[in-house]
Amino acid sequence: MASFNNITNIPEALLKTLDALNFSTMKEIQEKTINPILEGKDILAQSKTGSGKTLAFGLPAVMHTDMNKNKPQTIIITPTRELADQVAVELRKIAAYKANLKILTLYGGVPLRAQAESLAKGAHILIGTPGRIQDHLAKETLVLDSIKTLVLDEADRMLDMGFYDEIVKIGSNMPRNRQTLLFSATFPEKIEKLAKALLKQPLTIKVDTVQESTKIDEIVYETSDKFKTLTALMQSYKPESLLIFCNTKAEVTSLADRLHRRGHSVIDLHGDLDQRERNEAVIAFSNGSKRILVATDVASRGLDIKGIELVINYDLPFDKEVYTHRIGRTGRADATGTALSLYEPKDSAKCSYITSHARMGEMKELRVDAAFKMISKYDTLCINGGKKTKLRAGDILGTLCKEIGIDNKLIGKIHITETKSYVALHHTVIDKVFKALKNTKIKKKKYVAWILD
């Protein structure tokens, strides 16, 4: 694979930043798109999730930003809040070499006024969902006449959600000579229609368009009792982490409750949760304090958590593309994974697109450990301070180890957001830390702390 040194006119400071982030060589999508993007070409790219496309469009966006202009120059549109946040995190990492480059997220679940105030202060790169961007345009709190590049990330998912008209209308508010980059995991007819409406003589690139069968073991189970089968699969596979997909919010809530009553460490994720609840569900799952995440398709895209061993389709997805994105949550990067799908006899025709290439599983082949429960050794402590108060993971770690006397082996992942910090702690010490922080300062300041449910 090519080195980042091959990128045209890449600054030495950016190369050092990439090296510090352990980006040593470019992935295929990056190698094929970054230089053409820097040359100003429109791009129509097909690549599956997890292929490295965020860096493919993010690195040129950062490089192209003119720091002398405090106006939006790149706008990235994503289907979900989760993906917008994920893209923002990645771009902020690579933008570290450019002091004061401002990246702003625009999505629902957050007060419009607070975002409008941030927009009024100026930003260089905007990342948001179609609905909220439209809201700001309608209220004239957002002006896009300075945009040089429009990026559509996971465009097929946005079209599945019915955002075609909104995307075209947002595009009409930008300069006609802008650059447009469209990234999609699949190329249905609707994508071709959108490309014709927004792109000018695009360079078409296709990379990693098929899930590697060697990376994800796909198995289907026919059952007349899905919960009983789910329990047997859990007690046979015994995964460290498990992502379960259901089709409706009601089913997600019901299944999470049933698993919780059985003693499993579980949390749910669906569209009725507010942004804070959704963020905390993802954090608790990614740091291991919840070992099972039960979700609707809000999590089938934009959820980038390393090490998900097992994905189970408790409900069959409505179409093949959704199935592809669901199982793509496991087997990411260089890892392997397993995807299991359950279906009832009446649904056999509905799932033919799965059974045609996945192997049929036999319940009698499972070695079930009836005593097994997915219980976490960790809980999550939330501290009411984050990046805005200059709180860093090292500050928290130092206080826990040196001031409170916690063995660092009992401290898990530390996740810091703009306003809060989340610390995974072994259940044997979390109460001690919680009580100690009432009288212990972090960086000479007292912070309110609480334990997440």
Protein backbone atom coordinates (compact mmCIF):
# COMPACT_ATOMS: atom_id res chain seq x y z
CA MET A 1 0.00 0.00 0.00
CA ALA A 2 1.13 3.56 -0.70
CA SER A 3 2.52 5.87 1.95
CA PHE A 4 0.92 9.19 2.90
CA ASN A 5 4.14 10.74 1.57
CA ASN A 6 2.67 10.13 -1.90
CA ILE A 7 -0.02 12.76 -1.31
CA THR A 8 0.61 15.89 -3.36
CA ASN A 9 2.00 18.81 -1.31
CA ILE A 10 1.18 17.20 2.05
CA PRO A 11 2.64 19.34 4.87
CA GLU A 12 5.34 17.81 7.06
CA ALA A 13 3.32 18.73 10.16
CA LEU A 14 0.37 16.69 8.88
CA LEU A 15 2.62 13.69 8.17
CA LYS A 16 3.83 13.87 11.79
CA THR A 17 0.22 14.04 13.01
CA LEU A 18 -0.73 10.99 10.92
CA ASP A 19 2.32 9.13 12.22
CA ALA A 20 1.34 9.96 15.82
CA LEU A 21 -2.13 8.55 15.08
CA ASN A 22 -0.50 5.33 13.76
CA PHE A 23 -1.63 5.93 10.18
CA SER A 24 1.34 4.43 8.34
CA THR A 25 0.00 3.48 4.91
CA MET A 26 -3.07 4.49 2.92
CA LYS A 27 -6.03 2.18 2.47
CA GLU A 28 -7.17 1.56 -1.10
CA ILE A 29 -10.01 4.11 -1.03
CA GLN A 30 -7.59 6.75 0.29
CA GLU A 31 -4.92 5.93 -2.28
CA LYS A 32 -7.41 6.21 -5.16
CA THR A 33 -9.28 9.35 -4.07
CA ILE A 34 -7.12 11.75 -2.03
CA ASN A 35 -4.95 13.16 -4.84
CA PRO A 36 -7.88 13.51 -7.30
CA ILE A 37 -9.86 15.30 -4.55
CA LEU A 38 -6.92 17.64 -3.93
CA GLU A 39 -6.86 18.33 -7.68
CA GLY A 40 -10.47 19.53 -7.42
CA LYS A 41 -12.20 16.63 -9.20
CA ASP A 42 -15.76 15.58 -8.32
CA ILE A 43 -15.76 12.02 -6.97
CA LEU A 44 -18.41 9.27 -7.09
CA ALA A 45 -17.00 6.56 -4.82
CA GLN A 46 -18.41 3.19 -3.79
CA SER A 47 -16.82 1.63 -0.72
CA LYS A 48 -18.21 -0.34 2.21
CA THR A 49 -18.24 1.03 5.74
CA GLY A 50 -14.97 0.58 7.57
CA SER A 51 -12.89 1.01 4.40
CA GLY A 52 -11.22 4.26 5.47
CA LYS A 53 -13.36 6.73 3.51
CA THR A 54 -13.59 9.28 6.36
CA LEU A 55 -9.88 9.99 6.01
CA ALA A 56 -10.24 9.91 2.21
CA PHE A 57 -12.45 13.01 2.20
CA GLY A 58 -11.44 14.38 5.61
CA LEU A 59 -7.73 14.81 4.95
CA PRO A 60 -8.25 16.96 1.81
CA ALA A 61 -10.92 18.97 3.65
CA VAL A 62 -8.43 19.84 6.38
CA MET A 63 -5.58 20.50 3.92
CA HIS A 64 -7.77 22.78 1.76
CA THR A 65 -9.03 24.87 4.69
CA ASP A 66 -7.93 28.50 4.42
CA MET A 67 -7.34 29.62 8.01
CA ASN A 68 -7.47 33.28 6.95
CA LYS A 69 -11.18 32.90 6.22
CA ASN A 70 -13.47 32.28 9.20
CA LYS A 71 -16.29 30.91 7.03
CA PRO A 72 -17.56 27.39 6.23
CA GLN A 73 -15.48 25.96 3.38
CA THR A 74 -16.44 22.25 3.53
CA ILE A 75 -19.81 20.79 4.48
CA ILE A 76 -20.18 17.05 5.13
CA ILE A 77 -23.71 15.64 5.17
CA THR A 78 -24.31 12.34 7.01
CA PRO A 79 -27.46 10.23 7.56
CA THR A 80 -27.26 10.08 11.37
CA ARG A 81 -26.09 12.04 14.39
CA GLU A 82 -23.82 9.17 15.38
CA LEU A 83 -21.99 9.25 12.07
CA ALA A 84 -21.70 13.06 12.20
CA ASP A 85 -20.04 12.78 15.61
CA GLN A 86 -17.77 9.97 14.45
CA VAL A 87 -16.60 11.97 11.41
CA ALA A 88 -16.04 15.05 13.59
CA VAL A 89 -13.86 13.07 16.02
CA GLU A 90 -11.70 11.72 13.17
CA LEU A 91 -11.31 15.10 11.49
CA ARG A 92 -10.39 16.85 14.74
CA LYS A 93 -7.59 14.34 15.22
CA ILE A 94 -6.00 15.00 11.84
CA ALA A 95 -6.67 18.75 12.08
CA ALA A 96 -4.54 18.98 15.23
CA TYR A 97 -1.61 20.35 13.19
CA LYS A 98 -3.71 23.38 12.14
CA ALA A 99 -4.22 25.59 15.17
CA ASN A 100 -7.76 26.98 15.64
CA LEU A 101 -9.36 25.04 12.78
CA LYS A 102 -13.01 24.91 13.87
CA ILE A 103 -15.21 21.90 13.11
CA LEU A 104 -18.90 22.22 13.98
CA THR A 105 -21.61 19.53 14.08
CA LEU A 106 -25.24 20.31 13.18
CA TYR A 107 -27.91 17.73 14.06
CA GLY A 108 -31.16 17.34 15.94
CA GLY A 109 -31.44 16.56 19.65
CA VAL A 110 -29.37 19.67 20.40
CA PRO A 111 -30.95 23.16 20.76
CA LEU A 112 -31.00 25.05 17.46
CA ARG A 113 -30.12 28.31 19.21
CA ALA A 114 -26.86 26.95 20.66
CA GLN A 115 -25.79 25.79 17.19
CA ALA A 116 -26.80 29.14 15.68
CA GLU A 117 -24.63 30.96 18.22
CA SER A 118 -21.67 28.73 17.32
CA LEU A 119 -22.28 29.36 13.60
CA ALA A 120 -22.33 33.11 14.22
CA LYS A 121 -18.82 32.87 15.69
CA GLY A 122 -17.57 31.18 12.53
CA ALA A 123 -16.49 27.65 11.55
CA HIS A 124 -14.36 26.11 8.80
CA ILE A 125 -15.84 22.60 8.40
CA LEU A 126 -19.50 21.73 9.03
CA ILE A 127 -20.75 18.18 9.59
CA GLY A 128 -24.46 17.55 9.91
CA THR A 129 -27.66 15.74 9.05
CA PRO A 130 -29.94 16.93 6.19
CA GLY A 131 -32.89 17.89 8.41
CA ARG A 132 -30.96 20.11 10.80
CA ILE A 133 -28.94 21.76 8.00
CA GLN A 134 -32.26 22.59 6.33
CA ASP A 135 -33.55 24.06 9.61
CA HIS A 136 -30.59 26.44 9.79
CA LEU A 137 -30.96 27.44 6.14
CA ALA A 138 -34.68 28.14 6.68
CA LYS A 139 -33.94 30.34 9.71
CA GLU A 140 -31.03 31.99 7.88
CA THR A 141 -28.61 31.06 10.68
CA LEU A 142 -26.50 29.26 8.07
CA VAL A 143 -25.17 30.66 4.80
CA LEU A 144 -23.36 28.35 2.36
CA ASP A 145 -22.05 30.82 -0.22
CA SER A 146 -18.45 30.23 0.93
CA ILE A 147 -18.57 26.43 0.51
CA LYS A 148 -15.85 25.03 -1.73
CA THR A 149 -16.56 21.30 -1.16
CA LEU A 150 -19.76 19.35 -0.48
CA VAL A 151 -19.31 15.80 0.85
CA LEU A 152 -22.19 13.29 0.94
CA ASP A 153 -21.22 10.46 3.28
CA GLU A 154 -23.20 7.20 3.11
CA ALA A 155 -25.45 8.77 0.50
CA ASP A 156 -27.42 5.56 -0.12
CA ARG A 157 -28.51 5.50 3.52
CA MET A 158 -29.67 9.13 3.30
CA LEU A 159 -31.74 8.31 0.23
CA ASP A 160 -33.21 5.26 2.02
CA MET A 161 -34.33 7.71 4.72
CA GLY A 162 -36.07 9.89 2.11
CA PHE A 163 -33.66 12.85 2.04
CA TYR A 164 -33.26 13.21 -1.76
CA ASP A 165 -35.13 16.53 -2.04
CA GLU A 166 -33.43 17.99 1.04
CA ILE A 167 -29.95 17.14 -0.26
CA VAL A 168 -30.64 18.66 -3.68
CA LYS A 169 -32.10 21.77 -2.05
CA ILE A 170 -29.09 22.14 0.27
CA GLY A 171 -26.82 21.82 -2.78
CA SER A 172 -28.74 24.62 -4.52
CA ASN A 173 -27.71 26.99 -1.72
CA MET A 174 -24.02 26.58 -2.56
CA PRO A 175 -21.83 28.00 -5.33
CA ARG A 176 -22.31 26.17 -8.64
CA ASN A 177 -18.55 25.80 -9.10
CA ARG A 178 -18.07 23.88 -5.84
CA GLN A 179 -16.53 20.42 -5.69
CA THR A 180 -18.86 17.53 -4.77
CA LEU A 181 -17.77 14.19 -3.32
CA LEU A 182 -20.33 11.39 -3.02
CA PHE A 183 -19.47 8.26 -1.00
CA SER A 184 -21.88 5.32 -0.94
CA ALA A 185 -21.68 1.67 0.06
CA THR A 186 -24.09 0.70 -2.73
CA PHE A 187 -25.00 2.19 -6.12
CA PRO A 188 -28.79 1.90 -6.54
CA GLU A 189 -30.57 3.90 -9.26
CA LYS A 190 -31.37 6.68 -6.79
CA ILE A 191 -27.63 7.28 -6.28
CA GLU A 192 -27.09 7.66 -10.02
CA LYS A 193 -29.97 10.15 -10.16
CA LEU A 194 -28.47 12.15 -7.25
CA ALA A 195 -25.02 12.07 -8.84
CA LYS A 196 -26.40 13.50 -12.10
CA ALA A 197 -28.12 16.29 -10.16
CA LEU A 198 -25.09 17.34 -8.10
CA LEU A 199 -21.81 16.13 -9.64
CA LYS A 200 -19.91 17.45 -12.66
CA GLN A 201 -18.01 14.86 -14.77
CA PRO A 202 -17.15 12.80 -11.67
CA LEU A 203 -14.33 10.32 -11.40
CA THR A 204 -16.01 7.01 -10.49
CA ILE A 205 -14.11 4.78 -8.07
CA LYS A 206 -15.18 1.39 -6.68
CA VAL A 207 -13.30 -0.14 -3.75
CA ASP A 208 -14.09 -3.00 -1.34
CA THR A 209 -17.69 -3.18 -2.53
CA VAL A 210 -18.30 -6.72 -1.31
CA GLN A 211 -17.99 -8.03 2.22
CA GLU A 212 -15.08 -10.44 2.37
CA SER A 213 -16.65 -13.82 3.06
CA THR A 214 -13.51 -14.97 4.85
CA LYS A 215 -13.82 -12.12 7.37
CA ILE A 216 -17.47 -12.53 8.42
CA ASP A 217 -18.91 -15.98 9.05
CA GLU A 218 -22.61 -15.69 8.14
CA ILE A 219 -24.99 -18.30 9.61
CA VAL A 220 -28.80 -18.44 9.63
CA TYR A 221 -31.01 -20.32 12.10
CA GLU A 222 -34.63 -21.27 11.48
CA THR A 223 -36.62 -21.15 14.72
CA SER A 224 -40.15 -21.02 16.07
CA ASP A 225 -38.95 -19.41 19.35
CA LYS A 226 -36.51 -16.57 18.66
CA PHE A 227 -35.78 -15.67 22.29
CA LYS A 228 -35.02 -19.27 23.23
CA THR A 229 -32.73 -19.57 20.19
CA LEU A 230 -31.05 -16.25 20.98
CA THR A 231 -30.33 -17.42 24.52
CA ALA A 232 -28.85 -20.71 23.25
CA LEU A 233 -26.64 -18.88 20.74
CA MET A 234 -25.34 -16.51 23.42
CA GLN A 235 -24.61 -19.42 25.75
CA SER A 236 -22.83 -21.29 23.00
CA TYR A 237 -20.77 -18.53 21.33
CA LYS A 238 -20.03 -16.73 24.63
CA PRO A 239 -18.92 -13.47 22.99
CA GLU A 240 -17.19 -10.65 24.87
CA SER A 241 -19.41 -8.16 23.02
CA LEU A 242 -22.71 -8.69 21.22
CA LEU A 243 -24.73 -6.37 18.97
CA ILE A 244 -28.36 -7.40 18.40
CA PHE A 245 -30.54 -5.79 15.74
CA CYS A 246 -34.33 -5.47 15.89
CA ASN A 247 -36.59 -3.71 13.38
CA THR A 248 -38.62 -1.56 15.79
CA LYS A 249 -38.03 0.61 18.85
CA ALA A 250 -40.67 -1.39 20.76
CA GLU A 251 -38.91 -4.68 20.05
CA VAL A 252 -35.54 -3.20 21.06
CA THR A 253 -36.92 -2.03 24.42
CA SER A 254 -38.76 -5.31 25.05
CA LEU A 255 -35.76 -7.51 24.21
CA ALA A 256 -33.33 -5.40 26.25
CA ASP A 257 -35.68 -5.66 29.25
CA ARG A 258 -35.95 -9.46 28.90
CA LEU A 259 -32.16 -9.84 28.70
CA HIS A 260 -31.69 -7.51 31.68
CA ARG A 261 -34.13 -9.57 33.76
CA ARG A 262 -32.06 -12.66 32.88
CA GLY A 263 -29.00 -11.01 34.46
CA HIS A 264 -27.18 -9.84 31.33
CA SER A 265 -25.32 -6.52 31.08
CA VAL A 266 -27.34 -4.82 28.33
CA ILE A 267 -28.25 -1.39 26.99
CA ASP A 268 -30.55 -0.28 24.16
CA LEU A 269 -30.15 2.24 21.32
CA HIS A 270 -32.99 3.64 19.21
CA GLY A 271 -34.35 6.85 17.75
CA ASP A 272 -36.57 7.81 20.71
CA LEU A 273 -33.54 8.41 22.94
CA ASP A 274 -32.20 11.95 23.15
CA GLN A 275 -28.66 12.68 21.98
CA ARG A 276 -27.07 12.37 25.42
CA GLU A 277 -28.73 8.97 25.99
CA ARG A 278 -27.63 7.73 22.57
CA ASN A 279 -24.06 8.88 23.13
CA GLU A 280 -23.91 7.26 26.56
CA ALA A 281 -25.33 3.97 25.25
CA VAL A 282 -22.56 3.79 22.64
CA ILE A 283 -19.88 4.76 25.18
CA ALA A 284 -21.05 2.18 27.74
CA PHE A 285 -21.01 -0.54 25.08
CA SER A 286 -17.66 0.45 23.60
CA ASN A 287 -15.93 0.61 27.00
CA GLY A 288 -17.27 -2.80 28.02
CA SER A 289 -19.46 -1.72 30.94
CA LYS A 290 -22.40 -3.01 28.88
CA ARG A 291 -21.62 -6.17 26.94
CA ILE A 292 -24.82 -6.30 24.85
CA LEU A 293 -26.21 -3.49 22.71
CA VAL A 294 -29.73 -3.99 21.35
CA ALA A 295 -30.40 -1.52 18.54
CA THR A 296 -32.57 -0.50 15.64
CA ASP A 297 -30.96 0.36 12.31
CA VAL A 298 -29.94 3.73 13.74
CA ALA A 299 -26.81 1.77 14.74
CA SER A 300 -26.22 -0.14 11.51
CA ARG A 301 -24.30 2.81 10.13
CA GLY A 302 -22.01 5.28 11.79
CA LEU A 303 -21.28 2.94 14.68
CA ASP A 304 -17.54 2.36 14.64
CA ILE A 305 -16.65 0.22 17.65
CA LYS A 306 -13.62 -2.00 17.45
CA GLY A 307 -13.85 -5.61 18.51
CA ILE A 308 -17.56 -6.44 18.17
CA GLU A 309 -17.29 -10.23 18.01
CA LEU A 310 -20.85 -11.13 17.21
CA VAL A 311 -23.81 -9.52 15.43
CA ILE A 312 -27.24 -11.15 15.64
CA ASN A 313 -30.21 -10.19 13.47
CA TYR A 314 -33.00 -10.96 15.94
CA ASP A 315 -35.42 -9.50 13.39
CA LEU A 316 -34.66 -9.93 9.70
CA PRO A 317 -33.77 -6.62 8.06
CA PHE A 318 -36.12 -5.35 5.39
CA ASP A 319 -33.64 -5.55 2.52
CA LYS A 320 -30.22 -6.83 1.50
CA GLU A 321 -28.47 -3.46 1.77
CA VAL A 322 -29.55 -3.01 5.40
CA TYR A 323 -28.34 -6.56 6.11
CA THR A 324 -24.94 -5.75 4.60
CA HIS A 325 -24.55 -2.68 6.78
CA ARG A 326 -25.69 -4.49 9.92
CA ILE A 327 -23.22 -7.33 9.63
CA GLY A 328 -20.51 -4.83 8.69
CA ARG A 329 -20.37 -3.80 12.37
CA THR A 330 -18.25 -6.91 12.96
CA GLY A 331 -15.15 -8.01 11.03
CA ARG A 332 -13.97 -4.41 10.70
CA ALA A 333 -10.48 -3.41 9.53
CA ASP A 334 -8.30 -6.52 9.85
CA ALA A 335 -10.54 -8.36 12.33
CA THR A 336 -12.85 -11.31 11.71
CA GLY A 337 -16.39 -11.67 13.00
CA THR A 338 -19.58 -13.71 13.06
CA ALA A 339 -23.08 -12.68 11.95
CA LEU A 340 -26.10 -14.79 12.89
CA SER A 341 -29.64 -14.30 11.60
CA LEU A 342 -32.84 -15.76 13.04
CA TYR A 343 -35.97 -16.37 11.02
CA GLU A 344 -39.27 -18.10 11.53
CA PRO A 345 -40.59 -20.65 8.97
CA LYS A 346 -43.14 -18.11 7.66
CA ASP A 347 -40.26 -15.76 6.78
CA SER A 348 -38.28 -18.23 4.65
CA ALA A 349 -39.07 -16.42 1.39
CA LYS A 350 -38.27 -13.04 2.91
CA CYS A 351 -34.74 -14.08 3.84
CA SER A 352 -33.78 -15.87 0.63
CA TYR A 353 -31.17 -13.18 -0.05
CA ILE A 354 -29.41 -14.34 3.15
CA THR A 355 -29.92 -18.10 2.90
CA SER A 356 -28.66 -18.11 -0.68
CA HIS A 357 -25.08 -17.49 0.47
CA ALA A 358 -24.97 -17.90 4.26
CA ARG A 359 -24.75 -21.39 5.72
CA MET A 360 -27.60 -22.96 7.67
CA GLY A 361 -26.92 -23.46 11.35
CA GLU A 362 -28.08 -26.49 13.31
CA MET A 363 -29.16 -25.99 16.93
CA LYS A 364 -28.10 -29.54 17.80
CA GLU A 365 -24.51 -28.62 16.96
CA LEU A 366 -24.38 -25.90 19.64
CA ARG A 367 -22.60 -26.60 22.92
CA VAL A 368 -24.76 -24.63 25.32
CA ASP A 369 -23.51 -23.53 28.75
CA ALA A 370 -26.78 -22.84 30.56
CA ALA A 371 -24.97 -21.02 33.40
CA PHE A 372 -23.32 -18.45 31.10
CA LYS A 373 -24.37 -14.83 31.48
CA MET A 374 -22.96 -11.77 29.75
CA ILE A 375 -22.05 -9.81 32.87
CA SER A 376 -19.57 -6.95 32.77
CA LYS A 377 -16.76 -6.50 35.28
CA TYR A 378 -16.97 -2.75 34.71
CA ASP A 379 -19.30 0.16 35.40
CA THR A 380 -19.07 3.67 33.95
CA LEU A 381 -18.38 6.74 36.06
CA CYS A 382 -19.36 10.07 34.51
CA ILE A 383 -17.46 13.26 35.47
CA ASN A 384 -19.02 16.64 34.72
CA GLY A 385 -16.04 18.05 32.85
CA GLY A 386 -14.45 17.47 29.44
CA LYS A 387 -12.52 19.09 26.64
CA LYS A 388 -14.04 22.52 27.30
CA THR A 389 -12.62 22.48 30.84
CA LYS A 390 -9.25 21.20 29.49
CA LEU A 391 -9.73 17.81 31.17
CA ARG A 392 -7.56 15.06 29.70
CA ALA A 393 -7.42 11.30 30.18
CA GLY A 394 -3.99 11.64 31.81
CA ASP A 395 -5.37 14.06 34.41
CA ILE A 396 -8.12 11.63 35.40
CA LEU A 397 -5.78 8.62 35.40
CA GLY A 398 -3.27 10.46 37.58
CA THR A 399 -5.93 11.44 40.13
CA LEU A 400 -7.40 7.93 40.32
CA CYS A 401 -4.02 6.24 40.73
CA LYS A 402 -2.01 8.73 42.77
CA GLU A 403 -4.65 10.55 44.82
CA ILE A 404 -7.28 7.83 45.34
CA GLY A 405 -4.93 4.82 45.15
CA ILE A 406 -6.65 2.78 42.41
CA ASP A 407 -4.58 0.13 40.63
CA ASN A 408 -4.47 1.14 36.95
CA LYS A 409 -5.35 -2.46 36.02
CA LEU A 410 -8.82 -1.74 37.42
CA ILE A 411 -9.31 1.28 35.16
CA GLY A 412 -10.71 0.67 31.69
CA LYS A 413 -11.29 3.02 28.77
CA ILE A 414 -11.57 6.77 29.35
CA HIS A 415 -13.78 8.63 26.86
CA ILE A 416 -13.79 12.43 26.91
CA THR A 417 -16.45 14.55 25.15
CA GLU A 418 -16.76 18.33 25.00
CA THR A 419 -18.50 18.59 28.38
CA LYS A 420 -18.20 15.19 30.11
CA SER A 421 -15.71 12.40 30.78
CA TYR A 422 -16.64 8.73 31.03
CA VAL A 423 -14.40 6.28 32.90
CA ALA A 424 -14.83 2.49 32.88
CA LEU A 425 -13.97 1.21 36.38
CA HIS A 426 -13.93 -2.31 37.80
CA HIS A 427 -17.08 -2.85 39.85
CA THR A 428 -14.97 -3.48 42.98
CA VAL A 429 -13.62 0.09 43.04
CA ILE A 430 -16.27 2.30 41.45
CA ASP A 431 -18.02 3.14 44.74
CA LYS A 432 -14.66 4.03 46.31
CA VAL A 433 -13.84 6.39 43.42
CA PHE A 434 -17.32 7.91 43.43
CA LYS A 435 -17.10 8.74 47.17
CA ALA A 436 -13.49 9.93 46.96
CA LEU A 437 -14.21 12.39 44.14
CA LYS A 438 -16.57 14.31 46.45
CA ASN A 439 -13.47 15.51 48.29
CA THR A 440 -10.72 15.03 45.69
CA LYS A 441 -9.76 17.59 43.04
CA ILE A 442 -8.71 16.88 39.47
CA LYS A 443 -6.28 19.54 38.23
CA LYS A 444 -7.03 21.68 41.31
CA LYS A 445 -10.76 21.63 40.63
CA LYS A 446 -13.65 19.65 42.08
CA TYR A 447 -15.96 17.91 39.62
CA VAL A 448 -19.40 16.42 40.15
CA ALA A 449 -19.43 12.69 39.37
CA TRP A 450 -22.11 10.02 39.10
CA ILE A 451 -22.45 6.38 38.09
CA LEU A 452 -24.30 5.64 34.85
CA ASP A 453 -27.20 3.18 35.06
